[in-house]
C-alpha atoms as a PDB file:
ATOM      1  CA  MET A   1     -91.255 -38.079 -17.143  1.00  0.00           C
ATOM      2  CA  THR A   2     -88.777 -40.738 -16.121  1.00  0.00           C
ATOM      3  CA  LYS A   3     -89.505 -43.334 -13.455  1.00  0.00           C
ATOM      4  CA  TYR A   4     -86.952 -43.788 -10.665  1.00  0.00           C
ATOM      5  CA  LEU A   5     -86.424 -46.598  -8.189  1.00  0.00           C
ATOM      6  CA  VAL A   6     -85.612 -45.347  -4.699  1.00  0.00           C
ATOM      7  CA  THR A   7     -84.453 -48.280  -2.557  1.00  0.00           C
ATOM      8  CA  ILE A   8     -83.901 -48.440   1.187  1.00  0.00           C
ATOM      9  CA  HIS A   9     -81.012 -50.665   2.308  1.00  0.00           C
ATOM     10  CA  HIS A  10     -80.910 -52.514   5.625  1.00  0.00           C
ATOM     11  CA  PRO A  11     -78.154 -54.619   7.186  1.00  0.00           C
ATOM     12  CA  ASP A  12     -78.790 -58.368   7.102  1.00  0.00           C
ATOM     13  CA  ASP A  13     -79.483 -58.442  10.842  1.00  0.00           C
ATOM     14  CA  TYR A  14     -82.070 -55.630  10.594  1.00  0.00           C
ATOM     15  CA  ASN A  15     -84.893 -56.114  13.073  1.00  0.00           C
ATOM     16  CA  PRO A  16     -87.763 -53.647  12.567  1.00  0.00           C
ATOM     17  CA  ALA A  17     -89.075 -54.357  16.069  1.00  0.00           C
ATOM     18  CA  VAL A  18     -85.846 -52.919  17.477  1.00  0.00           C
ATOM     19  CA  ALA A  19     -84.816 -50.385  14.808  1.00  0.00           C
ATOM     20  CA  GLU A  20     -88.170 -48.755  14.088  1.00  0.00           C
ATOM     21  CA  ASP A  21     -90.178 -46.622  16.482  1.00  0.00           C
ATOM     22  CA  ALA A  22     -93.334 -44.503  16.352  1.00  0.00           C
ATOM     23  CA  ALA A  23     -91.379 -41.408  15.281  1.00  0.00           C
ATOM     24  CA  MET A  24     -89.863 -43.277  12.342  1.00  0.00           C
ATOM     25  CA  ASP A  25     -93.255 -44.689  11.335  1.00  0.00           C
ATOM     26  CA  ARG A  26     -94.723 -41.163  11.392  1.00  0.00           C
ATOM     27  CA  ALA A  27     -91.815 -39.781   9.346  1.00  0.00           C
ATOM     28  CA  ILE A  28     -92.291 -42.462   6.686  1.00  0.00           C
ATOM     29  CA  ASP A  29     -96.064 -41.936   6.645  1.00  0.00           C
ATOM     30  CA  GLU A  30     -95.543 -38.180   6.253  1.00  0.00           C
ATOM     31  CA  LEU A  31     -93.073 -38.734   3.415  1.00  0.00           C
ATOM     32  CA  ASN A  32     -95.556 -41.017   1.642  1.00  0.00           C
ATOM     33  CA  GLU A  33     -98.314 -38.419   2.055  1.00  0.00           C
ATOM     34  CA  GLU A  34     -95.994 -35.712   0.688  1.00  0.00           C
ATOM     35  CA  MET A  35     -95.118 -37.881  -2.330  1.00  0.00           C
ATOM     36  CA  VAL A  36     -98.797 -38.540  -3.061  1.00  0.00           C
ATOM     37  CA  ALA A  37     -99.646 -34.843  -2.723  1.00  0.00           C
ATOM     38  CA  ALA A  38     -96.810 -33.979  -5.131  1.00  0.00           C
ATOM     39  CA  GLY A  39     -98.117 -36.541  -7.618  1.00  0.00           C
ATOM     40  CA  ILE A  40     -94.712 -38.219  -7.821  1.00  0.00           C
ATOM     41  CA  ARG A  41     -95.356 -41.602  -6.184  1.00  0.00           C
ATOM     42  CA  VAL A  42     -96.210 -44.460  -8.547  1.00  0.00           C
ATOM     43  CA  PHE A  43     -95.779 -47.395  -6.138  1.00  0.00           C
ATOM     44  CA  VAL A  44     -94.297 -48.117  -2.727  1.00  0.00           C
ATOM     45  CA  GLY A  45     -93.545 -51.395  -0.958  1.00  0.00           C
ATOM     46  CA  GLY A  46     -91.753 -52.865   1.999  1.00  0.00           C
ATOM     47  CA  LEU A  47     -90.089 -56.247   1.663  1.00  0.00           C
ATOM     48  CA  HIS A  48     -89.762 -59.255   3.933  1.00  0.00           C
ATOM     49  CA  PRO A  49     -86.209 -60.043   5.111  1.00  0.00           C
ATOM     50  CA  ALA A  50     -83.768 -61.292   2.456  1.00  0.00           C
ATOM     51  CA  ARG A  51     -83.558 -64.665   4.221  1.00  0.00           C
ATOM     52  CA  SER A  52     -87.129 -65.347   3.052  1.00  0.00           C
ATOM     53  CA  ALA A  53     -86.218 -64.766  -0.619  1.00  0.00           C
ATOM     54  CA  LYS A  54     -86.033 -67.431  -3.305  1.00  0.00           C
ATOM     55  CA  SER A  55     -83.381 -67.234  -6.020  1.00  0.00           C
ATOM     56  CA  LEU A  56     -83.792 -68.684  -9.498  1.00  0.00           C
ATOM     57  CA  ARG A  57     -80.930 -69.573 -11.839  1.00  0.00           C
ATOM     58  CA  ALA A  58     -81.002 -70.898 -15.377  1.00  0.00           C
ATOM     59  CA  GLN A  59     -79.658 -74.422 -15.803  1.00  0.00           C
ATOM     60  CA  PRO A  60     -78.744 -76.452 -18.894  1.00  0.00           C
ATOM     61  CA  GLY A  61     -81.630 -77.884 -20.862  1.00  0.00           C
ATOM     62  CA  GLY A  62     -84.019 -75.042 -20.055  1.00  0.00           C
ATOM     63  CA  LYS A  63     -84.344 -76.032 -16.401  1.00  0.00           C
ATOM     64  CA  VAL A  64     -84.445 -73.549 -13.534  1.00  0.00           C
ATOM     65  CA  LEU A  65     -82.847 -74.118 -10.133  1.00  0.00           C
ATOM     66  CA  VAL A  66     -84.725 -72.554  -7.193  1.00  0.00           C
ATOM     67  CA  THR A  67     -82.796 -72.069  -3.946  1.00  0.00           C
ATOM     68  CA  ASP A  68     -83.542 -70.466  -0.586  1.00  0.00           C
ATOM     69  CA  GLY A  69     -82.146 -67.042   0.204  1.00  0.00           C
ATOM     70  CA  PRO A  70     -81.083 -63.977  -1.732  1.00  0.00           C
ATOM     71  CA  TYR A  71     -79.292 -64.211  -5.065  1.00  0.00           C
ATOM     72  CA  LEU A  72     -76.279 -62.251  -3.830  1.00  0.00           C
ATOM     73  CA  GLU A  73     -74.345 -62.810  -0.628  1.00  0.00           C
ATOM     74  CA  THR A  74     -74.144 -59.315   0.815  1.00  0.00           C
ATOM     75  CA  LYS A  75     -74.171 -57.582   4.167  1.00  0.00           C
ATOM     76  CA  GLU A  76     -77.122 -55.390   3.165  1.00  0.00           C
ATOM     77  CA  HIS A  77     -80.371 -55.984   1.341  1.00  0.00           C
ATOM     78  CA  ILE A  78     -83.275 -53.960   0.017  1.00  0.00           C
ATOM     79  CA  GLY A  79     -85.830 -53.502   2.763  1.00  0.00           C
ATOM     80  CA  GLY A  80     -88.303 -51.390   0.823  1.00  0.00           C
ATOM     81  CA  PHE A  81     -88.670 -49.119  -2.146  1.00  0.00           C
ATOM     82  CA  TRP A  82     -90.594 -46.423  -3.967  1.00  0.00           C
ATOM     83  CA  VAL A  83     -91.164 -46.059  -7.682  1.00  0.00           C
ATOM     84  CA  LEU A  84     -91.356 -42.344  -8.420  1.00  0.00           C
ATOM     85  CA  GLU A  85     -92.094 -40.418 -11.580  1.00  0.00           C
ATOM     86  CA  ALA A  86     -89.839 -37.369 -11.597  1.00  0.00           C
ATOM     87  CA  THR A  87     -88.766 -34.731 -14.079  1.00  0.00           C
ATOM     88  CA  SER A  88     -85.043 -35.329 -13.463  1.00  0.00           C
ATOM     89  CA  MET A  89     -82.478 -37.234 -11.439  1.00  0.00           C
ATOM     90  CA  ASP A  90     -82.051 -34.094  -9.311  1.00  0.00           C
ATOM     91  CA  GLU A  91     -85.737 -34.187  -8.376  1.00  0.00           C
ATOM     92  CA  ALA A  92     -85.544 -37.930  -7.617  1.00  0.00           C
ATOM     93  CA  LEU A  93     -82.457 -37.313  -5.462  1.00  0.00           C
ATOM     94  CA  ALA A  94     -84.332 -34.649  -3.494  1.00  0.00           C
ATOM     95  CA  TRP A  95     -86.928 -37.290  -2.624  1.00  0.00           C
ATOM     96  CA  GLY A  96     -84.154 -39.776  -1.890  1.00  0.00           C
ATOM     97  CA  ARG A  97     -82.664 -37.335   0.613  1.00  0.00           C
ATOM     98  CA  LYS A  98     -86.023 -37.186   2.388  1.00  0.00           C
ATOM     99  CA  ALA A  99     -86.174 -41.000   2.380  1.00  0.00           C
ATOM    100  CA  VAL A 100     -82.737 -41.228   4.043  1.00  0.00           C
ATOM    101  CA  VAL A 101     -83.939 -38.998   6.864  1.00  0.00           C
ATOM    102  CA  ALA A 102     -87.344 -40.676   7.299  1.00  0.00           C
ATOM    103  CA  CYS A 103     -86.043 -44.262   7.113  1.00  0.00           C
ATOM    104  CA  ARG A 104     -82.728 -43.685   8.904  1.00  0.00           C
ATOM    105  CA  ALA A 105     -81.054 -45.932   6.334  1.00  0.00           C
ATOM    106  CA  PRO A 106     -78.961 -45.704   3.178  1.00  0.00           C
ATOM    107  CA  VAL A 107     -80.862 -45.064  -0.046  1.00  0.00           C
ATOM    108  CA  GLU A 108     -80.090 -45.710  -3.703  1.00  0.00           C
ATOM    109  CA  VAL A 109     -81.777 -43.837  -6.572  1.00  0.00           C
ATOM    110  CA  ARG A 110     -81.749 -45.305 -10.090  1.00  0.00           C
ATOM    111  CA  ALA A 111     -83.603 -44.418 -13.271  1.00  0.00           C
ATOM    112  CA  PHE A 112     -85.558 -47.017 -15.217  1.00  0.00           C
ATOM    113  CA  HIS A 113     -84.724 -47.508 -18.915  1.00  0.00           C
END
């Protein structure tokens, strides 16, 4: 089976204390339980805000430059993700649809090589 990355996208000003409530927490917990019961979930993780990221870039002479903040300047960032093992993109998309509803946020589904 192929592994799929299902990412949740949040706006840069996302504040979980304001945006998330008990109903949303329950919906996400229920989705995680459903994924485990289906045997599809490989790994799940939430991420700290993009402003806490460190970006690394190759420099001449084999050096690496480390800077504060995300690599890309965007209006959205990945707030969390699942790694799923599914039989097809259609199956992964079905789980992605459930993630959109539970997380109340845009979702992207991509297959691993």
